[in-house]
Amino acid sequence: MTSYFLVFIGGGLGSLCRFSIAKILVSYESVFPLATFLANVLSCIILGILVGINLKGGLNNTYKLMLMTGFCGGFSTFSTFTNETFNLFQSGQIFYGMANILGSLIVCLICIYLGIKIVS
């Protein structure tokens, strides 16, 4: 039962961070879904750092559940990313849709790598 609570707490905090980014960036009108992109990038950096620490044996199960599964799972917004990309395609914004797909995948892969390197 403790595992569920840890994931719940971490996920809630991650979701609050994602919500805060969206609120902060609401004044920047853009076709490109900047808040989701930024949340995914930051989540990937954080997850990369945590993976790097874990590879060195520095994370116990409590931190893995709360931070990796909970926080990063709540903070990252892949379902929102997918829906926003779909909406861009439906509205004829093919360039922005492709930029969101390629940018998110490439930048977030680099961020996971950088997070691991930061810890190495």
N, C-alpha and C. Protein backbone atom coordinates (compact mmCIF):
# COMPACT_ATOMS: atom_id res chain seq x y z
N MET A 1 0.82 -1.20 0.00
CA MET A 1 0.00 0.00 0.00
C MET A 1 0.86 1.26 0.00
N THR A 2 2.01 1.21 0.65
CA THR A 2 2.92 2.34 0.69
C THR A 2 3.37 2.73 -0.72
N SER A 3 3.58 1.74 -1.59
CA SER A 3 4.00 2.01 -2.96
C SER A 3 2.99 2.88 -3.69
N TYR A 4 1.73 2.57 -3.53
CA TYR A 4 0.67 3.35 -4.17
C TYR A 4 0.67 4.79 -3.66
N PHE A 5 0.87 4.96 -2.38
CA PHE A 5 0.89 6.29 -1.78
C PHE A 5 2.06 7.10 -2.32
N LEU A 6 3.22 6.48 -2.44
CA LEU A 6 4.41 7.18 -2.96
C LEU A 6 4.19 7.64 -4.40
N VAL A 7 3.63 6.77 -5.23
CA VAL A 7 3.35 7.13 -6.62
C VAL A 7 2.30 8.24 -6.67
N PHE A 8 1.30 8.13 -5.81
CA PHE A 8 0.23 9.13 -5.73
C PHE A 8 0.79 10.51 -5.38
N ILE A 9 1.62 10.58 -4.36
CA ILE A 9 2.21 11.85 -3.93
C ILE A 9 3.11 12.42 -5.03
N GLY A 10 3.99 11.60 -5.57
CA GLY A 10 4.87 12.06 -6.64
C GLY A 10 4.11 12.50 -7.88
N GLY A 11 3.09 11.72 -8.26
CA GLY A 11 2.28 12.06 -9.43
C GLY A 11 1.52 13.35 -9.24
N GLY A 12 1.01 13.56 -8.05
CA GLY A 12 0.31 14.81 -7.75
C GLY A 12 1.23 16.01 -7.86
N LEU A 13 2.42 15.88 -7.31
CA LEU A 13 3.39 16.98 -7.39
C LEU A 13 3.82 17.24 -8.84
N GLY A 14 4.01 16.17 -9.59
CA GLY A 14 4.37 16.32 -11.00
C GLY A 14 3.26 17.00 -11.79
N SER A 15 2.03 16.61 -11.52
CA SER A 15 0.89 17.23 -12.20
C SER A 15 0.76 18.70 -11.84
N LEU A 16 1.01 19.04 -10.59
CA LEU A 16 0.98 20.45 -10.18
C LEU A 16 2.05 21.26 -10.90
N CYS A 17 3.22 20.68 -11.07
CA CYS A 17 4.29 21.37 -11.80
C CYS A 17 3.89 21.57 -13.27
N ARG A 18 3.33 20.55 -13.87
CA ARG A 18 2.89 20.66 -15.27
C ARG A 18 1.80 21.73 -15.40
N PHE A 19 0.84 21.73 -14.49
CA PHE A 19 -0.23 22.72 -14.48
C PHE A 19 0.34 24.13 -14.31
N SER A 20 1.32 24.28 -13.44
CA SER A 20 1.94 25.58 -13.20
C SER A 20 2.64 26.11 -14.45
N ILE A 21 3.32 25.25 -15.15
CA ILE A 21 3.98 25.67 -16.40
C ILE A 21 2.93 26.17 -17.39
N ALA A 22 1.83 25.45 -17.51
CA ALA A 22 0.76 25.86 -18.44
C ALA A 22 0.19 27.21 -18.02
N LYS A 23 0.01 27.43 -16.72
CA LYS A 23 -0.53 28.71 -16.24
C LYS A 23 0.46 29.85 -16.49
N ILE A 24 1.73 29.60 -16.27
CA ILE A 24 2.76 30.63 -16.47
C ILE A 24 2.86 31.02 -17.95
N LEU A 25 2.75 30.04 -18.83
CA LEU A 25 2.93 30.30 -20.26
C LEU A 25 1.63 30.64 -20.99
N VAL A 26 0.51 30.73 -20.28
CA VAL A 26 -0.78 30.98 -20.92
C VAL A 26 -0.78 32.33 -21.65
N SER A 27 0.00 33.28 -21.18
CA SER A 27 0.02 34.60 -21.81
C SER A 27 0.78 34.61 -23.14
N TYR A 28 1.56 33.57 -23.42
CA TYR A 28 2.27 33.47 -24.68
C TYR A 28 1.39 32.76 -25.70
N GLU A 29 0.74 33.53 -26.54
CA GLU A 29 -0.14 32.93 -27.53
C GLU A 29 0.71 32.33 -28.64
N SER A 30 0.49 31.07 -28.90
CA SER A 30 1.26 30.38 -29.92
C SER A 30 0.46 29.19 -30.42
N VAL A 31 0.63 28.88 -31.68
CA VAL A 31 0.02 27.68 -32.23
C VAL A 31 0.76 26.46 -31.68
N PHE A 32 2.07 26.61 -31.47
CA PHE A 32 2.89 25.51 -30.97
C PHE A 32 2.62 25.29 -29.49
N PRO A 33 2.41 24.04 -29.07
CA PRO A 33 2.10 23.74 -27.67
C PRO A 33 3.33 23.81 -26.77
N LEU A 34 3.78 25.03 -26.48
CA LEU A 34 5.01 25.28 -25.76
C LEU A 34 5.02 24.71 -24.34
N ALA A 35 3.92 24.85 -23.61
CA ALA A 35 3.88 24.37 -22.22
C ALA A 35 4.07 22.86 -22.15
N THR A 36 3.42 22.14 -23.02
CA THR A 36 3.55 20.68 -23.04
C THR A 36 4.97 20.28 -23.44
N PHE A 37 5.49 20.96 -24.45
CA PHE A 37 6.85 20.68 -24.91
C PHE A 37 7.84 20.91 -23.77
N LEU A 38 7.71 22.04 -23.07
CA LEU A 38 8.61 22.36 -21.97
C LEU A 38 8.48 21.36 -20.83
N ALA A 39 7.26 20.96 -20.49
CA ALA A 39 7.06 19.97 -19.42
C ALA A 39 7.72 18.65 -19.80
N ASN A 40 7.59 18.22 -21.05
CA ASN A 40 8.21 16.97 -21.48
C ASN A 40 9.73 17.07 -21.45
N VAL A 41 10.28 18.20 -21.88
CA VAL A 41 11.74 18.39 -21.87
C VAL A 41 12.27 18.36 -20.44
N LEU A 42 11.64 19.13 -19.56
CA LEU A 42 12.09 19.16 -18.16
C LEU A 42 11.94 17.79 -17.49
N SER A 43 10.84 17.11 -17.77
CA SER A 43 10.63 15.78 -17.20
C SER A 43 11.70 14.81 -17.67
N CYS A 44 12.07 14.91 -18.93
CA CYS A 44 13.11 14.01 -19.46
C CYS A 44 14.47 14.31 -18.84
N ILE A 45 14.78 15.58 -18.60
CA ILE A 45 16.04 15.91 -17.93
C ILE A 45 16.04 15.34 -16.52
N ILE A 46 14.95 15.56 -15.79
CA ILE A 46 14.85 15.05 -14.42
C ILE A 46 14.92 13.53 -14.42
N LEU A 47 14.18 12.88 -15.32
CA LEU A 47 14.21 11.42 -15.38
C LEU A 47 15.61 10.92 -15.74
N GLY A 48 16.28 11.60 -16.65
CA GLY A 48 17.65 11.22 -17.00
C GLY A 48 18.59 11.30 -15.81
N ILE A 49 18.45 12.36 -15.03
CA ILE A 49 19.28 12.51 -13.82
C ILE A 49 18.98 11.37 -12.85
N LEU A 50 17.70 11.08 -12.65
CA LEU A 50 17.32 10.01 -11.73
C LEU A 50 17.80 8.65 -12.23
N VAL A 51 17.72 8.41 -13.53
CA VAL A 51 18.23 7.15 -14.10
C VAL A 51 19.73 7.06 -13.87
N GLY A 52 20.43 8.18 -14.09
CA GLY A 52 21.87 8.19 -13.86
C GLY A 52 22.23 7.88 -12.42
N ILE A 53 21.50 8.48 -11.49
CA ILE A 53 21.72 8.21 -10.06
C ILE A 53 21.40 6.75 -9.75
N ASN A 54 20.31 6.24 -10.33
CA ASN A 54 19.92 4.86 -10.10
C ASN A 54 20.96 3.88 -10.66
N LEU A 55 21.54 4.20 -11.82
CA LEU A 55 22.57 3.34 -12.40
C LEU A 55 23.79 3.24 -11.49
N LYS A 56 24.03 4.27 -10.71
CA LYS A 56 25.14 4.25 -9.75
C LYS A 56 24.73 3.59 -8.44
N GLY A 57 23.48 3.10 -8.36
CA GLY A 57 22.99 2.45 -7.15
C GLY A 57 22.57 3.43 -6.08
N GLY A 58 22.31 4.68 -6.45
CA GLY A 58 22.02 5.70 -5.46
C GLY A 58 20.56 5.97 -5.18
N LEU A 59 19.64 5.22 -5.78
CA LEU A 59 18.21 5.44 -5.51
C LEU A 59 17.60 4.20 -4.90
N ASN A 60 16.97 4.38 -3.77
CA ASN A 60 16.26 3.24 -3.20
C ASN A 60 14.85 3.18 -3.81
N ASN A 61 14.13 2.15 -3.50
CA ASN A 61 12.82 1.91 -4.11
C ASN A 61 11.83 3.03 -3.80
N THR A 62 11.93 3.62 -2.63
CA THR A 62 11.03 4.73 -2.26
C THR A 62 11.19 5.89 -3.23
N TYR A 63 12.42 6.29 -3.49
CA TYR A 63 12.67 7.41 -4.41
C TYR A 63 12.31 7.05 -5.85
N LYS A 64 12.58 5.81 -6.23
CA LYS A 64 12.21 5.38 -7.59
C LYS A 64 10.71 5.51 -7.79
N LEU A 65 9.95 5.02 -6.82
CA LEU A 65 8.49 5.07 -6.95
C LEU A 65 7.97 6.51 -6.93
N MET A 66 8.44 7.29 -5.98
CA MET A 66 7.91 8.64 -5.83
C MET A 66 8.38 9.57 -6.94
N LEU A 67 9.66 9.51 -7.29
CA LEU A 67 10.21 10.47 -8.25
C LEU A 67 10.14 9.99 -9.70
N MET A 68 10.59 8.78 -9.95
CA MET A 68 10.63 8.30 -11.33
C MET A 68 9.23 7.94 -11.84
N THR A 69 8.55 7.09 -11.11
CA THR A 69 7.22 6.65 -11.53
C THR A 69 6.18 7.74 -11.29
N GLY A 70 6.15 8.28 -10.08
CA GLY A 70 5.14 9.26 -9.71
C GLY A 70 5.36 10.64 -10.31
N PHE A 71 6.44 11.30 -9.88
CA PHE A 71 6.65 12.69 -10.29
C PHE A 71 6.83 12.81 -11.80
N CYS A 72 7.75 12.05 -12.37
CA CYS A 72 7.99 12.17 -13.81
C CYS A 72 6.78 11.70 -14.62
N GLY A 73 6.07 10.71 -14.11
CA GLY A 73 4.85 10.26 -14.78
C GLY A 73 3.75 11.31 -14.75
N GLY A 74 3.64 12.03 -13.64
CA GLY A 74 2.64 13.09 -13.53
C GLY A 74 3.06 14.36 -14.25
N PHE A 75 4.36 14.59 -14.33
CA PHE A 75 4.89 15.81 -14.94
C PHE A 75 4.94 15.72 -16.46
N SER A 76 5.32 14.57 -16.97
CA SER A 76 5.39 14.37 -18.41
C SER A 76 3.97 14.26 -18.96
N THR A 77 3.79 14.69 -20.16
CA THR A 77 2.43 14.84 -20.67
C THR A 77 2.27 14.21 -22.05
N PHE A 78 2.65 12.96 -22.18
CA PHE A 78 2.63 12.35 -23.50
C PHE A 78 1.21 12.26 -24.08
N SER A 79 0.23 11.99 -23.25
CA SER A 79 -1.13 11.92 -23.78
C SER A 79 -1.59 13.29 -24.26
N THR A 80 -1.25 14.32 -23.52
CA THR A 80 -1.58 15.68 -23.95
C THR A 80 -0.82 16.03 -25.21
N PHE A 81 0.44 15.66 -25.26
CA PHE A 81 1.27 15.87 -26.45
C PHE A 81 0.62 15.23 -27.68
N THR A 82 0.17 14.02 -27.54
CA THR A 82 -0.45 13.31 -28.66
C THR A 82 -1.74 14.00 -29.11
N ASN A 83 -2.56 14.38 -28.16
CA ASN A 83 -3.82 15.05 -28.49
C ASN A 83 -3.57 16.40 -29.16
N GLU A 84 -2.62 17.17 -28.64
CA GLU A 84 -2.32 18.48 -29.24
C GLU A 84 -1.75 18.32 -30.64
N THR A 85 -0.93 17.31 -30.84
CA THR A 85 -0.38 17.06 -32.18
C THR A 85 -1.49 16.66 -33.14
N PHE A 86 -2.39 15.81 -32.69
CA PHE A 86 -3.53 15.40 -33.50
C PHE A 86 -4.36 16.62 -33.90
N ASN A 87 -4.60 17.51 -32.92
CA ASN A 87 -5.37 18.72 -33.19
C ASN A 87 -4.66 19.64 -34.19
N LEU A 88 -3.34 19.72 -34.10
CA LEU A 88 -2.59 20.51 -35.08
C LEU A 88 -2.78 19.95 -36.49
N PHE A 89 -2.71 18.64 -36.62
CA PHE A 89 -2.91 18.02 -37.94
C PHE A 89 -4.33 18.26 -38.44
N GLN A 90 -5.31 18.09 -37.54
CA GLN A 90 -6.71 18.28 -37.94
C GLN A 90 -6.99 19.71 -38.39
N SER A 91 -6.30 20.68 -37.79
CA SER A 91 -6.54 22.08 -38.14
C SER A 91 -5.67 22.54 -39.31
N GLY A 92 -4.95 21.59 -39.93
CA GLY A 92 -4.15 21.93 -41.09
C GLY A 92 -2.76 22.47 -40.77
N GLN A 93 -2.39 22.46 -39.50
CA GLN A 93 -1.08 22.97 -39.08
C GLN A 93 -0.04 21.83 -39.14
N ILE A 94 0.17 21.31 -40.35
CA ILE A 94 1.04 20.15 -40.53
C ILE A 94 2.48 20.45 -40.07
N PHE A 95 2.98 21.63 -40.42
CA PHE A 95 4.36 21.99 -40.03
C PHE A 95 4.52 21.94 -38.52
N TYR A 96 3.59 22.58 -37.79
CA TYR A 96 3.69 22.60 -36.33
C TYR A 96 3.50 21.21 -35.73
N GLY A 97 2.65 20.42 -36.32
CA GLY A 97 2.47 19.05 -35.85
C GLY A 97 3.75 18.24 -36.00
N MET A 98 4.37 18.34 -37.16
CA MET A 98 5.63 17.61 -37.40
C MET A 98 6.74 18.17 -36.51
N ALA A 99 6.77 19.50 -36.35
CA ALA A 99 7.79 20.11 -35.48
C ALA A 99 7.62 19.62 -34.04
N ASN A 100 6.37 19.47 -33.60
CA ASN A 100 6.12 18.98 -32.25
C ASN A 100 6.59 17.54 -32.09
N ILE A 101 6.29 16.70 -33.07
CA ILE A 101 6.72 15.30 -33.01
C ILE A 101 8.24 15.19 -33.02
N LEU A 102 8.86 15.75 -34.03
CA LEU A 102 10.31 15.63 -34.18
C LEU A 102 11.05 16.35 -33.07
N GLY A 103 10.60 17.57 -32.75
CA GLY A 103 11.26 18.32 -31.68
C GLY A 103 11.17 17.62 -30.35
N SER A 104 10.00 17.13 -30.02
CA SER A 104 9.82 16.45 -28.73
C SER A 104 10.66 15.19 -28.65
N LEU A 105 10.63 14.38 -29.68
CA LEU A 105 11.40 13.13 -29.64
C LEU A 105 12.90 13.39 -29.59
N ILE A 106 13.39 14.26 -30.49
CA ILE A 106 14.83 14.50 -30.56
C ILE A 106 15.32 15.20 -29.30
N VAL A 107 14.65 16.29 -28.93
CA VAL A 107 15.09 17.06 -27.76
C VAL A 107 14.98 16.23 -26.49
N CYS A 108 13.90 15.48 -26.32
CA CYS A 108 13.73 14.69 -25.10
C CYS A 108 14.70 13.52 -25.03
N LEU A 109 15.04 12.92 -26.17
CA LEU A 109 16.08 11.89 -26.17
C LEU A 109 17.42 12.49 -25.73
N ILE A 110 17.73 13.66 -26.25
CA ILE A 110 18.97 14.35 -25.85
C ILE A 110 18.93 14.68 -24.36
N CYS A 111 17.77 15.10 -23.85
CA CYS A 111 17.65 15.44 -22.44
C CYS A 111 17.84 14.24 -21.52
N ILE A 112 17.33 13.09 -21.91
CA ILE A 112 17.58 11.88 -21.12
C ILE A 112 19.08 11.61 -21.08
N TYR A 113 19.73 11.70 -22.24
CA TYR A 113 21.18 11.49 -22.32
C TYR A 113 21.92 12.51 -21.44
N LEU A 114 21.54 13.80 -21.54
CA LEU A 114 22.19 14.83 -20.75
C LEU A 114 21.99 14.61 -19.25
N GLY A 115 20.78 14.20 -18.88
CA GLY A 115 20.51 13.91 -17.47
C GLY A 115 21.41 12.83 -16.93
N ILE A 116 21.60 11.77 -17.72
CA ILE A 116 22.50 10.68 -17.31
C ILE A 116 23.93 11.19 -17.23
N LYS A 117 24.34 12.01 -18.20
CA LYS A 117 25.71 12.56 -18.23
C LYS A 117 25.96 13.51 -17.07
N ILE A 118 24.95 14.27 -16.68
CA ILE A 118 25.09 15.20 -15.54
C ILE A 118 25.52 14.44 -14.29
N VAL A 119 24.96 13.25 -14.13
CA VAL A 119 25.25 12.45 -12.95
C VAL A 119 26.56 11.68 -13.08
N SER A 120 26.95 11.36 -14.31
CA SER A 120 28.16 10.55 -14.53
C SER A 120 29.43 11.26 -14.13
